[in-house]
C-alpha atoms as a PDB file:
ATOM      1  CA  MET A   1      11.482 -17.367 -16.309  1.00  0.00           C
ATOM      2  CA  ARG A   2      14.585 -15.605 -14.742  1.00  0.00           C
ATOM      3  CA  GLU A   3      11.853 -12.920 -13.605  1.00  0.00           C
ATOM      4  CA  SER A   4      10.289 -15.922 -11.549  1.00  0.00           C
ATOM      5  CA  ASP A   5      13.789 -17.083 -10.127  1.00  0.00           C
ATOM      6  CA  GLY A   6      14.816 -13.806  -8.883  1.00  0.00           C
ATOM      7  CA  ARG A   7      11.445 -12.993  -7.524  1.00  0.00           C
ATOM      8  CA  TYR A   8      11.448 -16.165  -5.526  1.00  0.00           C
ATOM      9  CA  TRP A   9      14.946 -15.132  -4.435  1.00  0.00           C
ATOM     10  CA  ASP A  10      13.924 -11.989  -3.407  1.00  0.00           C
ATOM     11  CA  ARG A  11      12.144 -13.421  -0.098  1.00  0.00           C
ATOM     12  CA  HIS A  12      15.119 -15.555   0.230  1.00  0.00           C
ATOM     13  CA  ASP A  13      18.143 -14.466  -0.641  1.00  0.00           C
ATOM     14  CA  PRO A  14      18.822 -11.273  -2.340  1.00  0.00           C
ATOM     15  CA  VAL A  15      22.399 -11.615  -3.269  1.00  0.00           C
ATOM     16  CA  ARG A  16      21.241 -14.082  -5.463  1.00  0.00           C
ATOM     17  CA  ALA A  17      18.101 -12.430  -6.907  1.00  0.00           C
ATOM     18  CA  VAL A  18      20.001  -9.971  -7.844  1.00  0.00           C
ATOM     19  CA  ALA A  19      22.252 -12.343 -10.021  1.00  0.00           C
ATOM     20  CA  SER A  20      18.677 -13.588 -11.407  1.00  0.00           C
ATOM     21  CA  HIS A  21      17.226 -10.080 -11.853  1.00  0.00           C
ATOM     22  CA  ARG A  22      20.796  -8.789 -14.156  1.00  0.00           C
ATOM     23  CA  ALA A  23      20.051 -12.419 -16.268  1.00  0.00           C
ATOM     24  CA  SER A  24      16.479 -11.138 -16.922  1.00  0.00           C
ATOM     25  CA  LEU A  25      17.303  -7.806 -17.918  1.00  0.00           C
ATOM     26  CA  GLU A  26      20.115  -8.985 -20.320  1.00  0.00           C
ATOM     27  CA  LEU A  27      18.123 -11.519 -21.702  1.00  0.00           C
ATOM     28  CA  ASN A  28      15.152  -9.035 -22.120  1.00  0.00           C
ATOM     29  CA  THR A  29      17.573  -6.427 -23.383  1.00  0.00           C
ATOM     30  CA  ARG A  30      19.212  -8.447 -26.045  1.00  0.00           C
ATOM     31  CA  ALA A  31      15.658  -9.537 -27.429  1.00  0.00           C
ATOM     32  CA  GLY A  32      14.199  -6.124 -26.955  1.00  0.00           C
ATOM     33  CA  GLU A  33      11.716  -6.436 -24.887  1.00  0.00           C
ATOM     34  CA  ALA A  34      11.511  -3.300 -23.100  1.00  0.00           C
ATOM     35  CA  ARG A  35       8.594  -3.777 -20.866  1.00  0.00           C
ATOM     36  CA  GLY A  36      10.775  -7.358 -19.489  1.00  0.00           C
ATOM     37  CA  ALA A  37      13.451  -4.879 -19.719  1.00  0.00           C
ATOM     38  CA  ALA A  38      11.505  -1.934 -17.230  1.00  0.00           C
ATOM     39  CA  VAL A  39      10.458  -4.698 -14.856  1.00  0.00           C
ATOM     40  CA  ALA A  40      13.836  -6.354 -14.729  1.00  0.00           C
ATOM     41  CA  THR A  41      15.725  -3.284 -13.697  1.00  0.00           C
ATOM     42  CA  TYR A  42      13.175  -2.440 -10.885  1.00  0.00           C
ATOM     43  CA  PHE A  43      13.579  -5.632  -9.340  1.00  0.00           C
ATOM     44  CA  LEU A  44      17.349  -5.578  -9.378  1.00  0.00           C
ATOM     45  CA  GLY A  45      16.902  -2.152  -7.926  1.00  0.00           C
ATOM     46  CA  CYS A  46      14.252  -3.070  -5.635  1.00  0.00           C
ATOM     47  CA  ALA A  47      16.854  -6.751  -4.980  1.00  0.00           C
ATOM     48  CA  GLN A  48      20.297  -4.548  -4.206  1.00  0.00           C
ATOM     49  CA  ASP A  49      18.743  -2.402  -1.869  1.00  0.00           C
ATOM     50  CA  ALA A  50      17.566  -5.313   0.135  1.00  0.00           C
ATOM     51  CA  ALA A  51      21.139  -6.768  -0.235  1.00  0.00           C
ATOM     52  CA  GLY A  52      22.742  -3.382   0.787  1.00  0.00           C
ATOM     53  CA  THR A  53      24.602  -3.190  -2.421  1.00  0.00           C
ATOM     54  CA  LEU A  54      23.205   0.294  -3.170  1.00  0.00           C
ATOM     55  CA  ARG A  55      24.500   1.852   0.551  1.00  0.00           C
ATOM     56  CA  ALA A  56      28.019  -0.244   0.191  1.00  0.00           C
ATOM     57  CA  GLU A  57      28.849   1.348  -3.331  1.00  0.00           C
ATOM     58  CA  ARG A  58      27.968   4.643  -1.617  1.00  0.00           C
ATOM     59  CA  ALA A  59      24.894   4.892  -4.500  1.00  0.00           C
ATOM     60  CA  THR A  60      22.908   7.117  -2.140  1.00  0.00           C
ATOM     61  CA  HIS A  61      21.375   8.763  -4.723  1.00  0.00           C
ATOM     62  CA  TYR A  62      20.429   5.981  -6.353  1.00  0.00           C
ATOM     63  CA  GLU A  63      19.063   4.382  -3.066  1.00  0.00           C
ATOM     64  CA  ALA A  64      16.797   7.571  -2.650  1.00  0.00           C
ATOM     65  CA  GLN A  65      15.154   7.260  -5.924  1.00  0.00           C
ATOM     66  CA  ALA A  66      14.477   3.226  -5.243  1.00  0.00           C
ATOM     67  CA  LEU A  67      12.831   3.931  -1.806  1.00  0.00           C
ATOM     68  CA  VAL A  68      10.238   6.958  -2.824  1.00  0.00           C
ATOM     69  CA  ALA A  69       9.802   4.542  -6.044  1.00  0.00           C
ATOM     70  CA  LEU A  70       9.227   1.845  -3.464  1.00  0.00           C
ATOM     71  CA  ALA A  71       6.621   4.159  -1.528  1.00  0.00           C
ATOM     72  CA  ASP A  72       5.369   5.554  -4.543  1.00  0.00           C
ATOM     73  CA  ILE A  73       4.211   2.037  -5.316  1.00  0.00           C
ATOM     74  CA  ALA A  74       3.389   1.257  -1.915  1.00  0.00           C
ATOM     75  CA  GLU A  75       0.705   4.697  -1.877  1.00  0.00           C
ATOM     76  CA  ARG A  76      -0.487   3.709  -5.273  1.00  0.00           C
ATOM     77  CA  THR A  77      -1.032  -0.320  -4.779  1.00  0.00           C
ATOM     78  CA  GLY A  78      -1.639  -0.429  -0.963  1.00  0.00           C
ATOM     79  CA  LEU A  79       0.545  -2.940  -0.960  1.00  0.00           C
ATOM     80  CA  ARG A  80       3.450  -2.697   2.180  1.00  0.00           C
ATOM     81  CA  ARG A  81       1.988   0.332   3.247  1.00  0.00           C
ATOM     82  CA  ALA A  82       3.776  -0.034   6.792  1.00  0.00           C
ATOM     83  CA  ASP A  83       6.678  -0.097   4.906  1.00  0.00           C
ATOM     84  CA  ALA A  84       7.230   3.330   2.915  1.00  0.00           C
ATOM     85  CA  PRO A  85       7.425   5.526   6.259  1.00  0.00           C
ATOM     86  CA  GLY A  86      11.175   3.990   7.091  1.00  0.00           C
ATOM     87  CA  TRP A  87      11.540   3.623   2.900  1.00  0.00           C
ATOM     88  CA  LEU A  88      10.482   7.963   3.172  1.00  0.00           C
ATOM     89  CA  ASP A  89      12.318   8.710   6.200  1.00  0.00           C
ATOM     90  CA  ARG A  90      16.006   6.862   4.802  1.00  0.00           C
ATOM     91  CA  ALA A  91      15.428   8.700   1.360  1.00  0.00           C
ATOM     92  CA  VAL A  92      14.796  12.471   3.507  1.00  0.00           C
ATOM     93  CA  GLY A  93      18.141  11.487   5.281  1.00  0.00           C
ATOM     94  CA  ILE A  94      20.133  11.297   1.902  1.00  0.00           C
ATOM     95  CA  HIS A  95      18.568  13.814   0.651  1.00  0.00           C
ATOM     96  CA  GLU A  96      19.063  15.771   3.973  1.00  0.00           C
ATOM     97  CA  GLU A  97      22.680  14.873   4.090  1.00  0.00           C
ATOM     98  CA  GLY A  98      23.368  16.056   0.238  1.00  0.00           C
ATOM     99  CA  GLY A  99      21.573  19.071   0.389  1.00  0.00           C
ATOM    100  CA  SER A 100      19.271  18.707  -1.957  1.00  0.00           C
ATOM    101  CA  PRO A 101      16.202  20.768  -2.671  1.00  0.00           C
ATOM    102  CA  LEU A 102      14.045  17.985  -2.822  1.00  0.00           C
ATOM    103  CA  ALA A 103      14.350  17.255   0.721  1.00  0.00           C
ATOM    104  CA  PRO A 104      11.672  19.157   2.448  1.00  0.00           C
ATOM    105  CA  ALA A 105       8.988  18.022   0.198  1.00  0.00           C
ATOM    106  CA  LEU A 106       9.457  14.232   1.152  1.00  0.00           C
ATOM    107  CA  ARG A 107       9.590  15.477   4.854  1.00  0.00           C
ATOM    108  CA  ALA A 108       6.479  16.902   4.168  1.00  0.00           C
ATOM    109  CA  ARG A 109       5.383  13.604   2.716  1.00  0.00           C
ATOM    110  CA  LEU A 110       6.708  11.788   5.277  1.00  0.00           C
ATOM    111  CA  ARG A 111       4.107  13.899   7.690  1.00  0.00           C
ATOM    112  CA  ALA A 112       1.390  13.111   5.830  1.00  0.00           C
ATOM    113  CA  TRP A 113       1.769   9.695   6.101  1.00  0.00           C
ATOM    114  CA  GLY A 114       1.941  10.580   9.819  1.00  0.00           C
ATOM    115  CA  ASP A 115      -1.340  12.529   9.991  1.00  0.00           C
ATOM    116  CA  GLU A 116      -3.109   9.354   8.418  1.00  0.00           C
END
């Protein structure tokens, strides 16, 4: 139920969604539900990104990971494909700022989206 609550708030109030997904993660962890905990963790990360939590905490490395994961999912499922280039662009910027060796590969991937 907490997951459904969080999914509703994802669309309307990201800060409230964060709280719901945290509660879902806690309940799933206590119940030993690994799949439920993994799903809650994923949605928690998405909600934190939407709320600006990751940027406010300067957790840009985690933000980049979440953005690449979102682009991966968009690519596999076809859902929100139009958002993927923006997510990749932000992730590339974070990796370039930090001097990450992943930046060139992500930049090439972003260019490939433009070729589609």
